[in-house]
Amino acid sequence: MITALRPGEIFVFGSNSAGNHAGGAARQAAREFGAVMGQPGGLQGQSYAIVSMDGLEILGDEARRFLDFARAHPDLSFLVTEIGCGIAGYTPSQVAPFFTGAPSNVKLPRSFTAVLADRVE
């Protein structure tokens, strides 16, 4: 559970396409890390939203867009929550592969790293 951020750290969370950050990690992002109601994706304050409620194909596209953003901002450290594994109802096995090849400034949750490690073995 991420409760505080240092300068240069970004809280990465799952959002719905309306940007209604009312539950789960999205609610925390809005309350504590600058997420903007009505903004469904991208950098918002000290947070980054990934649309996760509109199907796995869209979630995959959003994850790729996020990874490109992270690569373009090596000065930032991105702390990824279990995107899509709460209210959206997906499992780490379904979501983690979207983060394969994440750059070193992206810190994935243990459940995602475990899935990715199992895929390598």
N, C-alpha and C. Protein backbone atom coordinates (compact mmCIF):
# COMPACT_ATOMS: atom_id res chain seq x y z
N MET A 1 0.85 -1.19 0.00
CA MET A 1 0.00 0.00 0.00
C MET A 1 0.89 1.25 0.00
N ILE A 2 0.67 2.09 -0.94
CA ILE A 2 1.44 3.32 -1.07
C ILE A 2 0.68 4.41 -0.30
N THR A 3 1.34 5.00 0.68
CA THR A 3 0.68 6.01 1.50
C THR A 3 1.31 7.39 1.37
N ALA A 4 2.51 7.46 0.83
CA ALA A 4 3.19 8.75 0.64
C ALA A 4 4.13 8.63 -0.55
N LEU A 5 4.39 9.75 -1.17
CA LEU A 5 5.30 9.79 -2.32
C LEU A 5 6.43 10.78 -2.06
N ARG A 6 7.59 10.43 -2.55
CA ARG A 6 8.73 11.35 -2.52
C ARG A 6 8.67 12.20 -3.79
N PRO A 7 9.42 13.29 -3.82
CA PRO A 7 9.49 14.06 -5.06
C PRO A 7 9.97 13.16 -6.21
N GLY A 8 9.33 13.29 -7.35
CA GLY A 8 9.70 12.49 -8.52
C GLY A 8 9.03 11.14 -8.59
N GLU A 9 8.26 10.76 -7.57
CA GLU A 9 7.52 9.50 -7.61
C GLU A 9 6.10 9.76 -8.09
N ILE A 10 5.59 8.85 -8.90
CA ILE A 10 4.27 8.97 -9.50
C ILE A 10 3.46 7.72 -9.15
N PHE A 11 2.26 7.91 -8.61
CA PHE A 11 1.32 6.86 -8.25
C PHE A 11 0.54 6.48 -9.50
N VAL A 12 0.64 5.24 -9.96
CA VAL A 12 -0.02 4.79 -11.19
C VAL A 12 -1.21 3.92 -10.82
N PHE A 13 -2.38 4.31 -11.28
CA PHE A 13 -3.62 3.65 -10.87
C PHE A 13 -4.56 3.41 -12.04
N GLY A 14 -5.53 2.54 -11.83
CA GLY A 14 -6.55 2.26 -12.83
C GLY A 14 -7.71 3.21 -12.70
N SER A 15 -8.25 3.62 -13.85
CA SER A 15 -9.34 4.58 -13.90
C SER A 15 -10.45 4.05 -14.80
N ASN A 16 -11.60 4.69 -14.72
CA ASN A 16 -12.65 4.40 -15.69
C ASN A 16 -12.63 5.48 -16.77
N SER A 17 -13.30 5.24 -17.87
CA SER A 17 -13.22 6.16 -19.00
C SER A 17 -13.87 7.51 -18.74
N ALA A 18 -14.64 7.63 -17.66
CA ALA A 18 -15.22 8.92 -17.29
C ALA A 18 -14.31 9.71 -16.37
N GLY A 19 -13.25 9.06 -15.88
CA GLY A 19 -12.37 9.74 -14.94
C GLY A 19 -13.04 9.99 -13.60
N ASN A 20 -13.98 9.12 -13.24
CA ASN A 20 -14.66 9.22 -11.95
C ASN A 20 -13.84 8.43 -10.93
N HIS A 21 -12.97 9.12 -10.24
CA HIS A 21 -12.03 8.49 -9.32
C HIS A 21 -12.65 8.32 -7.94
N ALA A 22 -13.70 7.51 -7.87
CA ALA A 22 -14.48 7.40 -6.64
C ALA A 22 -14.16 6.18 -5.79
N GLY A 23 -13.44 5.20 -6.32
CA GLY A 23 -13.19 3.99 -5.55
C GLY A 23 -11.78 3.46 -5.72
N GLY A 24 -11.38 2.61 -4.79
CA GLY A 24 -10.10 1.93 -4.86
C GLY A 24 -8.91 2.88 -4.93
N ALA A 25 -7.91 2.47 -5.71
CA ALA A 25 -6.69 3.27 -5.85
C ALA A 25 -6.99 4.62 -6.51
N ALA A 26 -8.00 4.67 -7.38
CA ALA A 26 -8.36 5.92 -8.03
C ALA A 26 -8.81 6.95 -6.99
N ARG A 27 -9.56 6.50 -6.03
CA ARG A 27 -10.01 7.40 -4.96
C ARG A 27 -8.81 7.93 -4.18
N GLN A 28 -7.88 7.04 -3.86
CA GLN A 28 -6.67 7.45 -3.15
C GLN A 28 -5.88 8.46 -4.00
N ALA A 29 -5.78 8.20 -5.30
CA ALA A 29 -5.06 9.11 -6.19
C ALA A 29 -5.69 10.50 -6.19
N ALA A 30 -7.02 10.55 -6.19
CA ALA A 30 -7.71 11.84 -6.18
C ALA A 30 -7.55 12.55 -4.84
N ARG A 31 -7.63 11.82 -3.77
CA ARG A 31 -7.54 12.43 -2.43
C ARG A 31 -6.13 12.86 -2.06
N GLU A 32 -5.13 12.06 -2.49
CA GLU A 32 -3.78 12.27 -1.96
C GLU A 32 -2.73 12.67 -2.98
N PHE A 33 -2.94 12.34 -4.27
CA PHE A 33 -1.85 12.50 -5.21
C PHE A 33 -2.18 13.33 -6.46
N GLY A 34 -3.26 14.09 -6.41
CA GLY A 34 -3.54 15.05 -7.46
C GLY A 34 -4.30 14.58 -8.67
N ALA A 35 -4.88 13.37 -8.62
CA ALA A 35 -5.70 12.92 -9.75
C ALA A 35 -6.90 13.86 -9.91
N VAL A 36 -7.27 14.11 -11.15
CA VAL A 36 -8.30 15.10 -11.47
C VAL A 36 -9.58 14.39 -11.88
N MET A 37 -10.67 14.67 -11.16
CA MET A 37 -11.97 14.11 -11.54
C MET A 37 -12.30 14.54 -12.97
N GLY A 38 -12.78 13.59 -13.76
CA GLY A 38 -13.13 13.86 -15.14
C GLY A 38 -11.99 13.65 -16.12
N GLN A 39 -10.79 13.39 -15.62
CA GLN A 39 -9.64 13.12 -16.49
C GLN A 39 -9.31 11.64 -16.38
N PRO A 40 -9.66 10.84 -17.39
CA PRO A 40 -9.53 9.39 -17.28
C PRO A 40 -8.13 8.82 -17.43
N GLY A 41 -7.23 9.53 -18.06
CA GLY A 41 -5.91 8.96 -18.30
C GLY A 41 -4.81 9.98 -18.27
N GLY A 42 -3.58 9.47 -18.14
CA GLY A 42 -2.42 10.32 -18.20
C GLY A 42 -1.96 10.88 -16.88
N LEU A 43 -0.96 11.76 -16.96
CA LEU A 43 -0.36 12.37 -15.79
C LEU A 43 -1.30 13.39 -15.18
N GLN A 44 -1.48 13.29 -13.88
CA GLN A 44 -2.36 14.19 -13.14
C GLN A 44 -1.73 14.44 -11.78
N GLY A 45 -1.18 15.60 -11.57
CA GLY A 45 -0.49 15.85 -10.31
C GLY A 45 0.66 14.87 -10.15
N GLN A 46 0.66 14.17 -9.02
CA GLN A 46 1.70 13.17 -8.76
C GLN A 46 1.13 11.77 -8.98
N SER A 47 0.26 11.66 -9.98
CA SER A 47 -0.35 10.37 -10.31
C SER A 47 -0.47 10.24 -11.82
N TYR A 48 -0.66 8.99 -12.26
CA TYR A 48 -0.85 8.69 -13.68
C TYR A 48 -1.99 7.68 -13.77
N ALA A 49 -3.03 8.02 -14.54
CA ALA A 49 -4.20 7.16 -14.68
C ALA A 49 -4.12 6.32 -15.95
N ILE A 50 -4.50 5.05 -15.80
CA ILE A 50 -4.60 4.12 -16.91
C ILE A 50 -6.04 3.60 -16.94
N VAL A 51 -6.73 3.81 -18.05
CA VAL A 51 -8.11 3.32 -18.15
C VAL A 51 -8.08 1.80 -18.10
N SER A 52 -8.82 1.25 -17.12
CA SER A 52 -8.77 -0.21 -16.89
C SER A 52 -10.15 -0.86 -16.88
N MET A 53 -11.19 -0.10 -17.10
CA MET A 53 -12.55 -0.63 -16.95
C MET A 53 -13.26 -0.90 -18.28
N ASP A 54 -12.57 -0.75 -19.40
CA ASP A 54 -13.22 -0.84 -20.71
C ASP A 54 -12.78 -2.05 -21.51
N GLY A 55 -12.32 -3.08 -20.84
CA GLY A 55 -11.89 -4.30 -21.52
C GLY A 55 -10.39 -4.43 -21.56
N LEU A 56 -9.94 -5.68 -21.71
CA LEU A 56 -8.50 -5.95 -21.68
C LEU A 56 -7.76 -5.36 -22.88
N GLU A 57 -8.39 -5.29 -24.03
CA GLU A 57 -7.71 -4.71 -25.20
C GLU A 57 -7.36 -3.24 -24.96
N ILE A 58 -8.31 -2.50 -24.43
CA ILE A 58 -8.06 -1.08 -24.13
C ILE A 58 -7.05 -0.95 -23.01
N LEU A 59 -7.14 -1.79 -22.00
CA LEU A 59 -6.17 -1.78 -20.91
C LEU A 59 -4.76 -2.03 -21.46
N GLY A 60 -4.62 -2.96 -22.37
CA GLY A 60 -3.32 -3.22 -23.00
C GLY A 60 -2.80 -2.01 -23.75
N ASP A 61 -3.67 -1.34 -24.51
CA ASP A 61 -3.28 -0.13 -25.23
C ASP A 61 -2.84 0.97 -24.26
N GLU A 62 -3.60 1.12 -23.19
CA GLU A 62 -3.28 2.13 -22.17
C GLU A 62 -1.94 1.82 -21.50
N ALA A 63 -1.69 0.54 -21.21
CA ALA A 63 -0.43 0.15 -20.58
C ALA A 63 0.75 0.45 -21.51
N ARG A 64 0.60 0.18 -22.79
CA ARG A 64 1.67 0.49 -23.76
C ARG A 64 1.92 2.00 -23.81
N ARG A 65 0.86 2.79 -23.80
CA ARG A 65 0.99 4.25 -23.82
C ARG A 65 1.72 4.72 -22.55
N PHE A 66 1.35 4.12 -21.41
CA PHE A 66 2.02 4.46 -20.15
C PHE A 66 3.51 4.11 -20.21
N LEU A 67 3.85 2.91 -20.69
CA LEU A 67 5.26 2.51 -20.74
C LEU A 67 6.07 3.44 -21.65
N ASP A 68 5.47 3.89 -22.75
CA ASP A 68 6.15 4.87 -23.61
C ASP A 68 6.39 6.17 -22.84
N PHE A 69 5.39 6.60 -22.07
CA PHE A 69 5.52 7.81 -21.26
C PHE A 69 6.64 7.64 -20.23
N ALA A 70 6.67 6.50 -19.56
CA ALA A 70 7.71 6.24 -18.55
C ALA A 70 9.10 6.24 -19.18
N ARG A 71 9.23 5.66 -20.36
CA ARG A 71 10.53 5.66 -21.04
C ARG A 71 10.97 7.08 -21.40
N ALA A 72 10.01 7.93 -21.73
CA ALA A 72 10.31 9.32 -22.09
C ALA A 72 10.60 10.20 -20.87
N HIS A 73 10.34 9.66 -19.66
CA HIS A 73 10.55 10.42 -18.43
C HIS A 73 11.39 9.61 -17.44
N PRO A 74 12.64 9.34 -17.80
CA PRO A 74 13.49 8.51 -16.92
C PRO A 74 13.82 9.17 -15.58
N ASP A 75 13.55 10.46 -15.47
CA ASP A 75 13.80 11.19 -14.23
C ASP A 75 12.71 10.93 -13.18
N LEU A 76 11.62 10.31 -13.58
CA LEU A 76 10.52 10.00 -12.66
C LEU A 76 10.52 8.52 -12.32
N SER A 77 9.96 8.19 -11.17
CA SER A 77 9.80 6.79 -10.73
C SER A 77 8.31 6.52 -10.61
N PHE A 78 7.84 5.51 -11.31
CA PHE A 78 6.41 5.20 -11.39
C PHE A 78 6.09 3.99 -10.52
N LEU A 79 5.24 4.19 -9.53
CA LEU A 79 4.84 3.14 -8.60
C LEU A 79 3.47 2.62 -9.03
N VAL A 80 3.45 1.46 -9.65
CA VAL A 80 2.24 0.91 -10.25
C VAL A 80 1.45 0.10 -9.23
N THR A 81 0.17 0.38 -9.13
CA THR A 81 -0.73 -0.41 -8.30
C THR A 81 -1.20 -1.63 -9.09
N GLU A 82 -1.99 -2.48 -8.48
CA GLU A 82 -2.53 -3.66 -9.19
C GLU A 82 -3.67 -3.21 -10.11
N ILE A 83 -3.29 -2.52 -11.15
CA ILE A 83 -4.25 -1.94 -12.09
C ILE A 83 -5.14 -3.02 -12.67
N GLY A 84 -6.45 -2.75 -12.62
CA GLY A 84 -7.42 -3.68 -13.19
C GLY A 84 -7.76 -4.86 -12.33
N CYS A 85 -7.12 -5.03 -11.19
CA CYS A 85 -7.32 -6.22 -10.35
C CYS A 85 -8.23 -5.97 -9.15
N GLY A 86 -8.85 -4.82 -9.11
CA GLY A 86 -9.79 -4.52 -8.04
C GLY A 86 -11.19 -4.47 -8.62
N ILE A 87 -11.71 -3.28 -8.74
CA ILE A 87 -13.07 -3.07 -9.22
C ILE A 87 -13.27 -3.60 -10.64
N ALA A 88 -12.24 -3.50 -11.49
CA ALA A 88 -12.35 -3.98 -12.89
C ALA A 88 -12.49 -5.50 -12.96
N GLY A 89 -11.97 -6.21 -11.96
CA GLY A 89 -12.19 -7.65 -11.87
C GLY A 89 -11.22 -8.56 -12.59
N TYR A 90 -10.10 -8.03 -13.09
CA TYR A 90 -9.12 -8.88 -13.75
C TYR A 90 -8.14 -9.46 -12.74
N THR A 91 -7.37 -10.43 -13.17
CA THR A 91 -6.37 -11.04 -12.30
C THR A 91 -4.98 -10.54 -12.70
N PRO A 92 -4.02 -10.64 -11.80
CA PRO A 92 -2.65 -10.29 -12.18
C PRO A 92 -2.16 -11.07 -13.41
N SER A 93 -2.59 -12.32 -13.55
CA SER A 93 -2.18 -13.13 -14.71
C SER A 93 -2.69 -12.53 -16.02
N GLN A 94 -3.82 -11.84 -15.98
CA GLN A 94 -4.36 -11.21 -17.17
C GLN A 94 -3.71 -9.87 -17.47
N VAL A 95 -3.33 -9.13 -16.43
CA VAL A 95 -2.87 -7.76 -16.59
C VAL A 95 -1.34 -7.63 -16.65
N ALA A 96 -0.64 -8.38 -15.84
CA ALA A 96 0.82 -8.24 -15.75
C ALA A 96 1.53 -8.32 -17.10
N PRO A 97 1.12 -9.21 -18.02
CA PRO A 97 1.84 -9.28 -19.30
C PRO A 97 1.86 -7.97 -20.09
N PHE A 98 0.91 -7.09 -19.84
CA PHE A 98 0.91 -5.79 -20.52
C PHE A 98 2.11 -4.95 -20.10
N PHE A 99 2.74 -5.31 -18.99
CA PHE A 99 3.87 -4.53 -18.47
C PHE A 99 5.22 -5.21 -18.73
N THR A 100 5.21 -6.23 -19.58
CA THR A 100 6.46 -6.89 -19.97
C THR A 100 7.39 -5.86 -20.60
N GLY A 101 8.65 -5.89 -20.19
CA GLY A 101 9.63 -4.97 -20.75
C GLY A 101 9.57 -3.57 -20.16
N ALA A 102 8.91 -3.42 -19.01
CA ALA A 102 8.83 -2.11 -18.38
C ALA A 102 10.24 -1.60 -18.07
N PRO A 103 10.47 -0.30 -18.27
CA PRO A 103 11.79 0.25 -17.96
C PRO A 103 12.05 0.24 -16.45
N SER A 104 13.29 0.45 -16.07
CA SER A 104 13.69 0.34 -14.67
C SER A 104 13.06 1.39 -13.76
N ASN A 105 12.52 2.46 -14.32
CA ASN A 105 11.87 3.48 -13.49
C ASN A 105 10.40 3.15 -13.22
N VAL A 106 9.94 1.98 -13.64
CA VAL A 106 8.59 1.51 -13.37
C VAL A 106 8.68 0.39 -12.34
N LYS A 107 8.07 0.61 -11.19
CA LYS A 107 8.06 -0.36 -10.10
C LYS A 107 6.70 -1.06 -10.08
N LEU A 108 6.70 -2.33 -10.42
CA LEU A 108 5.45 -3.10 -10.50
C LEU A 108 5.12 -3.74 -9.16
N PRO A 109 3.84 -4.00 -8.91
CA PRO A 109 3.48 -4.71 -7.68
C PRO A 109 4.01 -6.14 -7.70
N ARG A 110 4.22 -6.69 -6.52
CA ARG A 110 4.76 -8.06 -6.41
C ARG A 110 3.95 -9.07 -7.20
N SER A 111 2.63 -8.93 -7.19
CA SER A 111 1.79 -9.89 -7.91
C SER A 111 2.09 -9.87 -9.42
N PHE A 112 2.42 -8.70 -9.97
CA PHE A 112 2.76 -8.60 -11.39
C PHE A 112 4.15 -9.17 -11.64
N THR A 113 5.11 -8.83 -10.79
CA THR A 113 6.47 -9.33 -11.01
C THR A 113 6.50 -10.85 -10.89
N ALA A 114 5.68 -11.42 -10.00
CA ALA A 114 5.63 -12.88 -9.86
C ALA A 114 5.11 -13.53 -11.15
N VAL A 115 4.08 -12.95 -11.73
CA VAL A 115 3.53 -13.48 -12.98
C VAL A 115 4.57 -13.38 -14.09
N LEU A 116 5.24 -12.24 -14.19
CA LEU A 116 6.22 -12.05 -15.25
C LEU A 116 7.42 -12.97 -15.06
N ALA A 117 7.82 -13.22 -13.82
CA ALA A 117 8.94 -14.13 -13.55
C ALA A 117 8.56 -15.56 -13.96
N ASP A 118 7.32 -15.95 -13.70
CA ASP A 118 6.87 -17.30 -14.07
C ASP A 118 6.86 -17.47 -15.60
N ARG A 119 6.60 -16.41 -16.33
CA ARG A 119 6.56 -16.48 -17.80
C ARG A 119 7.95 -16.66 -18.38
N VAL A 120 8.97 -16.17 -17.67
CA VAL A 120 10.34 -16.26 -18.15
C VAL A 120 10.91 -17.66 -17.95
N GLU A 121 10.54 -18.30 -16.84
CA GLU A 121 11.09 -19.63 -16.50
C GLU A 121 10.61 -20.72 -17.41
